[in-house]
PDB file of all heavy atoms in Angstrom:
ATOM      1  N   LEU A   1      99.473 108.538  91.813  1.00  0.00           N
ATOM      2  CA  LEU A   1      99.464 108.618  93.269  1.00  0.00           C
ATOM      3  C   LEU A   1      98.097 108.221  93.809  1.00  0.00           C
ATOM      4  O   LEU A   1      97.983 107.541  94.836  1.00  0.00           O
ATOM      5  CB  LEU A   1      99.802 110.051  93.703  1.00  0.00           C
ATOM      6  CG  LEU A   1      99.886 110.327  95.199  1.00  0.00           C
ATOM      7  CD1 LEU A   1     101.140 109.696  95.780  1.00  0.00           C
ATOM      8  CD2 LEU A   1      99.888 111.821  95.468  1.00  0.00           C
ATOM      9  N   GLU A   2      97.061 108.609  93.105  1.00  0.00           N
ATOM     10  CA  GLU A   2      95.695 108.305  93.519  1.00  0.00           C
ATOM     11  C   GLU A   2      95.442 106.797  93.554  1.00  0.00           C
ATOM     12  O   GLU A   2      94.695 106.301  94.410  1.00  0.00           O
ATOM     13  CB  GLU A   2      94.709 108.974  92.560  1.00  0.00           C
ATOM     14  CG  GLU A   2      93.254 108.836  92.974  1.00  0.00           C
ATOM     15  CD  GLU A   2      92.332 109.579  92.029  1.00  0.00           C
ATOM     16  OE1 GLU A   2      92.829 110.120  91.013  1.00  0.00           O
ATOM     17  OE2 GLU A   2      91.126 109.618  92.307  1.00  0.00           O
ATOM     18  N   ASP A   3      96.074 106.056  92.636  1.00  0.00           N
ATOM     19  CA  ASP A   3      95.913 104.599  92.599  1.00  0.00           C
ATOM     20  C   ASP A   3      96.463 103.956  93.876  1.00  0.00           C
ATOM     21  O   ASP A   3      95.853 103.041  94.437  1.00  0.00           O
ATOM     22  CB  ASP A   3      96.626 104.013  91.379  1.00  0.00           C
ATOM     23  CG  ASP A   3      96.071 104.548  90.078  1.00  0.00           C
ATOM     24  OD1 ASP A   3      94.856 104.823  90.026  1.00  0.00           O
ATOM     25  OD2 ASP A   3      96.848 104.695  89.110  1.00  0.00           O
ATOM     26  N   LEU A   4      97.626 104.449  94.312  1.00  0.00           N
ATOM     27  CA  LEU A   4      98.232 103.918  95.536  1.00  0.00           C
ATOM     28  C   LEU A   4      97.385 104.277  96.750  1.00  0.00           C
ATOM     29  O   LEU A   4      97.188 103.450  97.645  1.00  0.00           O
ATOM     30  CB  LEU A   4      99.649 104.471  95.698  1.00  0.00           C
ATOM     31  CG  LEU A   4     100.410 104.065  96.966  1.00  0.00           C
ATOM     32  CD1 LEU A   4     100.516 102.540  97.065  1.00  0.00           C
ATOM     33  CD2 LEU A   4     101.797 104.700  96.973  1.00  0.00           C
ATOM     34  N   ALA A   5      96.867 105.507  96.782  1.00  0.00           N
ATOM     35  CA  ALA A   5      96.021 105.939  97.898  1.00  0.00           C
ATOM     36  C   ALA A   5      94.762 105.085  97.983  1.00  0.00           C
ATOM     37  O   ALA A   5      94.332 104.690  99.074  1.00  0.00           O
ATOM     38  CB  ALA A   5      95.657 107.412  97.722  1.00  0.00           C
ATOM     39  N   ARG A   6      94.170 104.799  96.820  1.00  0.00           N
ATOM     40  CA  ARG A   6      92.956 103.990  96.793  1.00  0.00           C
ATOM     41  C   ARG A   6      93.254 102.558  97.278  1.00  0.00           C
ATOM     42  O   ARG A   6      92.465 101.972  98.017  1.00  0.00           O
ATOM     43  CB  ARG A   6      92.397 103.959  95.376  1.00  0.00           C
ATOM     44  CG  ARG A   6      91.013 103.301  95.278  1.00  0.00           C
ATOM     45  CD  ARG A   6      90.503 103.265  93.855  1.00  0.00           C
ATOM     46  NE  ARG A   6      90.363 104.597  93.299  1.00  0.00           N
ATOM     47  CZ  ARG A   6      91.123 105.087  92.328  1.00  0.00           C
ATOM     48  NH1 ARG A   6      92.104 104.338  91.813  1.00  0.00           N
ATOM     49  NH2 ARG A   6      90.933 106.307  91.869  1.00  0.00           N
ATOM     50  N   MET A   7      94.391 102.023  96.878  1.00  0.00           N
ATOM     51  CA  MET A   7      94.752 100.661  97.280  1.00  0.00           C
ATOM     52  C   MET A   7      94.966 100.572  98.789  1.00  0.00           C
ATOM     53  O   MET A   7      94.627  99.563  99.414  1.00  0.00           O
ATOM     54  CB  MET A   7      96.024 100.227  96.545  1.00  0.00           C
ATOM     55  CG  MET A   7      96.544  98.875  96.986  1.00  0.00           C
ATOM     56  SD  MET A   7      97.987  98.361  96.036  1.00  0.00           S
ATOM     57  CE  MET A   7      97.212  98.017  94.451  1.00  0.00           C
ATOM     58  N   MET A   8      95.516 101.646  99.369  1.00  0.00           N
ATOM     59  CA  MET A   8      95.799 101.632 100.802  1.00  0.00           C
ATOM     60  C   MET A   8      94.643 102.188 101.625  1.00  0.00           C
ATOM     61  O   MET A   8      94.758 102.364 102.844  1.00  0.00           O
ATOM     62  CB  MET A   8      97.080 102.429 101.067  1.00  0.00           C
ATOM     63  CG  MET A   8      98.302 101.854 100.379  1.00  0.00           C
ATOM     64  SD  MET A   8      99.847 102.596 100.920  1.00  0.00           S
ATOM     65  CE  MET A   8      99.888 102.111 102.632  1.00  0.00           C
ATOM     66  N   ASN A   9      93.547 102.493 100.939  1.00  0.00           N
ATOM     67  CA  ASN A   9      92.341 102.977 101.609  1.00  0.00           C
ATOM     68  C   ASN A   9      92.610 104.225 102.448  1.00  0.00           C
ATOM     69  O   ASN A   9      92.182 104.343 103.598  1.00  0.00           O
ATOM     70  CB  ASN A   9      91.751 101.870 102.496  1.00  0.00           C
ATOM     71  CG  ASN A   9      90.311 102.174 102.903  1.00  0.00           C
ATOM     72  OD1 ASN A   9      89.582 102.843 102.179  1.00  0.00           O
ATOM     73  ND2 ASN A   9      89.913 101.690 104.060  1.00  0.00           N
ATOM     74  N   THR A  10      93.329 105.160 101.866  1.00  0.00           N
ATOM     75  CA  THR A  10      93.600 106.435 102.525  1.00  0.00           C
ATOM     76  C   THR A  10      93.556 107.517 101.467  1.00  0.00           C
ATOM     77  O   THR A  10      93.390 107.234 100.284  1.00  0.00           O
ATOM     78  CB  THR A  10      94.961 106.413 103.234  1.00  0.00           C
ATOM     79  OG1 THR A  10      95.137 107.636 103.964  1.00  0.00           O
ATOM     80  CG2 THR A  10      96.103 106.274 102.241  1.00  0.00           C
ATOM     81  N   ASN A  11      93.700 108.785 101.873  1.00  0.00           N
ATOM     82  CA  ASN A  11      93.655 109.847 100.865  1.00  0.00           C
ATOM     83  C   ASN A  11      95.049 110.193 100.380  1.00  0.00           C
ATOM     84  O   ASN A  11      96.046 109.889 101.023  1.00  0.00           O
ATOM     85  CB  ASN A  11      92.927 111.093 101.406  1.00  0.00           C
ATOM     86  CG  ASN A  11      93.685 111.768 102.538  1.00  0.00           C
ATOM     87  OD1 ASN A  11      94.802 112.225 102.355  1.00  0.00           O
ATOM     88  ND2 ASN A  11      93.075 111.842 103.715  1.00  0.00           N
ATOM     89  N   ARG A  12      95.103 110.835  99.234  1.00  0.00           N
ATOM     90  CA  ARG A  12      96.390 111.089  98.591  1.00  0.00           C
ATOM     91  C   ARG A  12      97.219 112.143  99.323  1.00  0.00           C
ATOM     92  O   ARG A  12      98.422 112.235  99.101  1.00  0.00           O
ATOM     93  CB  ARG A  12      96.190 111.513  97.131  1.00  0.00           C
ATOM     94  CG  ARG A  12      95.302 112.709  96.941  1.00  0.00           C
ATOM     95  CD  ARG A  12      95.145 112.995  95.458  1.00  0.00           C
ATOM     96  NE  ARG A  12      94.209 114.088  95.223  1.00  0.00           N
ATOM     97  CZ  ARG A  12      92.904 113.914  95.054  1.00  0.00           C
ATOM     98  NH1 ARG A  12      92.394 112.691  95.119  1.00  0.00           N
ATOM     99  NH2 ARG A  12      92.105 114.934  94.852  1.00  0.00           N
ATOM    100  N   THR A  13      96.590 112.922 100.204  1.00  0.00           N
ATOM    101  CA  THR A  13      97.356 113.881 100.991  1.00  0.00           C
ATOM    102  C   THR A  13      98.329 113.152 101.907  1.00  0.00           C
ATOM    103  O   THR A  13      99.498 113.529 102.044  1.00  0.00           O
ATOM    104  CB  THR A  13      96.425 114.764 101.838  1.00  0.00           C
ATOM    105  OG1 THR A  13      95.507 115.442 100.989  1.00  0.00           O
ATOM    106  CG2 THR A  13      97.220 115.796 102.619  1.00  0.00           C
ATOM    107  N   TYR A  14      97.851 112.108 102.555  1.00  0.00           N
ATOM    108  CA  TYR A  14      98.719 111.303 103.408  1.00  0.00           C
ATOM    109  C   TYR A  14      99.854 110.678 102.602  1.00  0.00           C
ATOM    110  O   TYR A  14     101.020 110.695 103.026  1.00  0.00           O
ATOM    111  CB  TYR A  14      97.896 110.187 104.066  1.00  0.00           C
ATOM    112  CG  TYR A  14      97.106 110.609 105.272  1.00  0.00           C
ATOM    113  CD1 TYR A  14      97.098 111.929 105.708  1.00  0.00           C
ATOM    114  CD2 TYR A  14      96.374 109.671 105.994  1.00  0.00           C
ATOM    115  CE1 TYR A  14      96.379 112.299 106.826  1.00  0.00           C
ATOM    116  CE2 TYR A  14      95.634 110.033 107.118  1.00  0.00           C
ATOM    117  CZ  TYR A  14      95.644 111.351 107.525  1.00  0.00           C
ATOM    118  OH  TYR A  14      94.931 111.713 108.630  1.00  0.00           O
ATOM    119  N   ILE A  15      99.504 110.081 101.458  1.00  0.00           N
ATOM    120  CA  ILE A  15     100.511 109.427 100.619  1.00  0.00           C
ATOM    121  C   ILE A  15     101.540 110.446 100.137  1.00  0.00           C
ATOM    122  O   ILE A  15     102.753 110.188 100.162  1.00  0.00           O
ATOM    123  CB  ILE A  15      99.850 108.735  99.411  1.00  0.00           C
ATOM    124  CG1 ILE A  15      98.824 107.698  99.873  1.00  0.00           C
ATOM    125  CG2 ILE A  15     100.905 108.079  98.531  1.00  0.00           C
ATOM    126  CD1 ILE A  15      99.399 106.540 100.627  1.00  0.00           C
ATOM    127  N   TYR A  16     101.043 111.588  99.699  1.00  0.00           N
ATOM    128  CA  TYR A  16     101.930 112.649  99.213  1.00  0.00           C
ATOM    129  C   TYR A  16     102.922 113.075 100.294  1.00  0.00           C
ATOM    130  O   TYR A  16     104.124 113.192 100.060  1.00  0.00           O
ATOM    131  CB  TYR A  16     101.089 113.843  98.763  1.00  0.00           C
ATOM    132  CG  TYR A  16     101.885 115.101  98.533  1.00  0.00           C
ATOM    133  CD1 TYR A  16     102.569 115.305  97.343  1.00  0.00           C
ATOM    134  CD2 TYR A  16     101.968 116.086  99.521  1.00  0.00           C
ATOM    135  CE1 TYR A  16     103.309 116.465  97.135  1.00  0.00           C
ATOM    136  CE2 TYR A  16     102.705 117.238  99.324  1.00  0.00           C
ATOM    137  CZ  TYR A  16     103.377 117.421  98.128  1.00  0.00           C
ATOM    138  OH  TYR A  16     104.111 118.556  97.933  1.00  0.00           O
ATOM    139  N   GLN A  17     102.415 113.301 101.507  1.00  0.00           N
ATOM    140  CA  GLN A  17     103.280 113.753 102.602  1.00  0.00           C
ATOM    141  C   GLN A  17     104.290 112.677 102.999  1.00  0.00           C
ATOM    142  O   GLN A  17     105.445 112.984 103.297  1.00  0.00           O
ATOM    143  CB  GLN A  17     102.424 114.147 103.803  1.00  0.00           C
ATOM    144  CG  GLN A  17     101.602 115.408 103.572  1.00  0.00           C
ATOM    145  CD  GLN A  17     100.680 115.729 104.731  1.00  0.00           C
ATOM    146  OE1 GLN A  17     100.446 114.895 105.598  1.00  0.00           O
ATOM    147  NE2 GLN A  17     100.146 116.936 104.750  1.00  0.00           N
ATOM    148  N   ALA A  18     103.847 111.435 103.006  1.00  0.00           N
ATOM    149  CA  ALA A  18     104.747 110.347 103.393  1.00  0.00           C
ATOM    150  C   ALA A  18     105.906 110.211 102.415  1.00  0.00           C
ATOM    151  O   ALA A  18     107.065 110.037 102.813  1.00  0.00           O
ATOM    152  CB  ALA A  18     103.967 109.035 103.476  1.00  0.00           C
ATOM    153  N   ILE A  19     105.606 110.289 101.119  1.00  0.00           N
ATOM    154  CA  ILE A  19     106.647 110.107 100.099  1.00  0.00           C
ATOM    155  C   ILE A  19     107.507 111.352  99.945  1.00  0.00           C
ATOM    156  O   ILE A  19     108.737 111.279  99.964  1.00  0.00           O
ATOM    157  CB  ILE A  19     106.012 109.729  98.748  1.00  0.00           C
ATOM    158  CG1 ILE A  19     105.330 108.360  98.857  1.00  0.00           C
ATOM    159  CG2 ILE A  19     107.070 109.694  97.646  1.00  0.00           C
ATOM    160  CD1 ILE A  19     104.601 107.918  97.600  1.00  0.00           C
ATOM    161  N   ASN A  20     106.867 112.515  99.805  1.00  0.00           N
ATOM    162  CA  ASN A  20     107.611 113.749  99.544  1.00  0.00           C
ATOM    163  C   ASN A  20     108.318 114.305 100.771  1.00  0.00           C
ATOM    164  O   ASN A  20     109.442 114.785 100.669  1.00  0.00           O
ATOM    165  CB  ASN A  20     106.668 114.806  98.967  1.00  0.00           C
ATOM    166  CG  ASN A  20     106.338 114.552  97.513  1.00  0.00           C
ATOM    167  OD1 ASN A  20     106.940 115.116  96.617  1.00  0.00           O
ATOM    168  ND2 ASN A  20     105.369 113.676  97.266  1.00  0.00           N
ATOM    169  N   GLN A  21     107.648 114.258 101.924  1.00  0.00           N
ATOM    170  CA  GLN A  21     108.226 114.878 103.105  1.00  0.00           C
ATOM    171  C   GLN A  21     109.058 113.914 103.943  1.00  0.00           C
ATOM    172  O   GLN A  21     110.130 114.267 104.426  1.00  0.00           O
ATOM    173  CB  GLN A  21     107.109 115.499 103.954  1.00  0.00           C
ATOM    174  CG  GLN A  21     106.363 116.623 103.235  1.00  0.00           C
ATOM    175  CD  GLN A  21     105.222 117.197 104.058  1.00  0.00           C
ATOM    176  OE1 GLN A  21     105.107 116.937 105.252  1.00  0.00           O
ATOM    177  NE2 GLN A  21     104.370 117.975 103.415  1.00  0.00           N
ATOM    178  N   GLN A  22     108.564 112.705 104.127  1.00  0.00           N
ATOM    179  CA  GLN A  22     109.298 111.756 104.967  1.00  0.00           C
ATOM    180  C   GLN A  22     110.393 111.025 104.195  1.00  0.00           C
ATOM    181  O   GLN A  22     111.500 110.834 104.700  1.00  0.00           O
ATOM    182  CB  GLN A  22     108.326 110.754 105.596  1.00  0.00           C
ATOM    183  CG  GLN A  22     107.357 111.413 106.574  1.00  0.00           C
ATOM    184  CD  GLN A  22     106.488 110.409 107.308  1.00  0.00           C
ATOM    185  OE1 GLN A  22     106.848 109.245 107.473  1.00  0.00           O
ATOM    186  NE2 GLN A  22     105.333 110.849 107.757  1.00  0.00           N
ATOM    187  N   MET A  23     110.094 110.620 102.949  1.00  0.00           N
ATOM    188  CA  MET A  23     111.113 109.951 102.139  1.00  0.00           C
ATOM    189  C   MET A  23     112.028 110.962 101.448  1.00  0.00           C
ATOM    190  O   MET A  23     113.159 110.632 101.089  1.00  0.00           O
ATOM    191  CB  MET A  23     110.455 109.054 101.084  1.00  0.00           C
ATOM    192  CG  MET A  23     109.672 107.887 101.640  1.00  0.00           C
ATOM    193  SD  MET A  23     109.056 106.829 100.292  1.00  0.00           S
ATOM    194  CE  MET A  23     108.036 105.683 101.212  1.00  0.00           C
ATOM    195  N   GLY A  24     111.514 112.167 101.214  1.00  0.00           N
ATOM    196  CA  GLY A  24     112.318 113.202 100.573  1.00  0.00           C
ATOM    197  C   GLY A  24     112.466 113.037  99.072  1.00  0.00           C
ATOM    198  O   GLY A  24     113.426 113.545  98.483  1.00  0.00           O
ATOM    199  N   ILE A  25     111.534 112.311  98.431  1.00  0.00           N
ATOM    200  CA  ILE A  25     111.581 112.114  96.989  1.00  0.00           C
ATOM    201  C   ILE A  25     110.181 112.300  96.411  1.00  0.00           C
ATOM    202  O   ILE A  25     109.201 112.373  97.155  1.00  0.00           O
ATOM    203  CB  ILE A  25     112.101 110.705  96.609  1.00  0.00           C
ATOM    204  CG1 ILE A  25     111.241 109.619  97.266  1.00  0.00           C
ATOM    205  CG2 ILE A  25     113.559 110.546  96.999  1.00  0.00           C
ATOM    206  CD1 ILE A  25     111.654 108.204  96.899  1.00  0.00           C
ATOM    207  N   THR A  26     110.084 112.361  95.090  1.00  0.00           N
ATOM    208  CA  THR A  26     108.780 112.468  94.447  1.00  0.00           C
ATOM    209  C   THR A  26     108.195 111.073  94.212  1.00  0.00           C
ATOM    210  O   THR A  26     108.923 110.073  94.258  1.00  0.00           O
ATOM    211  CB  THR A  26     108.875 113.193  93.099  1.00  0.00           C
ATOM    212  OG1 THR A  26     109.689 112.414  92.195  1.00  0.00           O
ATOM    213  CG2 THR A  26     109.489 114.580  93.265  1.00  0.00           C
ATOM    214  N   PHE A  27     106.914 111.038  93.951  1.00  0.00           N
ATOM    215  CA  PHE A  27     106.249 109.767  93.644  1.00  0.00           C
ATOM    216  C   PHE A  27     106.868 109.138  92.403  1.00  0.00           C
ATOM    217  O   PHE A  27     107.075 107.919  92.340  1.00  0.00           O
ATOM    218  CB  PHE A  27     104.750 110.025  93.423  1.00  0.00           C
ATOM    219  CG  PHE A  27     103.965 108.807  93.032  1.00  0.00           C
ATOM    220  CD1 PHE A  27     103.777 107.764  93.927  1.00  0.00           C
ATOM    221  CD2 PHE A  27     103.412 108.698  91.763  1.00  0.00           C
ATOM    222  CE1 PHE A  27     103.053 106.628  93.567  1.00  0.00           C
ATOM    223  CE2 PHE A  27     102.680 107.576  91.397  1.00  0.00           C
ATOM    224  CZ  PHE A  27     102.501 106.537  92.301  1.00  0.00           C
TER     225      PHE A  27
END
């Protein structure tokens, strides 16, 4: 997950919330 966050220049909290909460699935 950290690799994707680094590529998108954001923190993994945002990525985690977008995937887990908005998409409803795990990374």
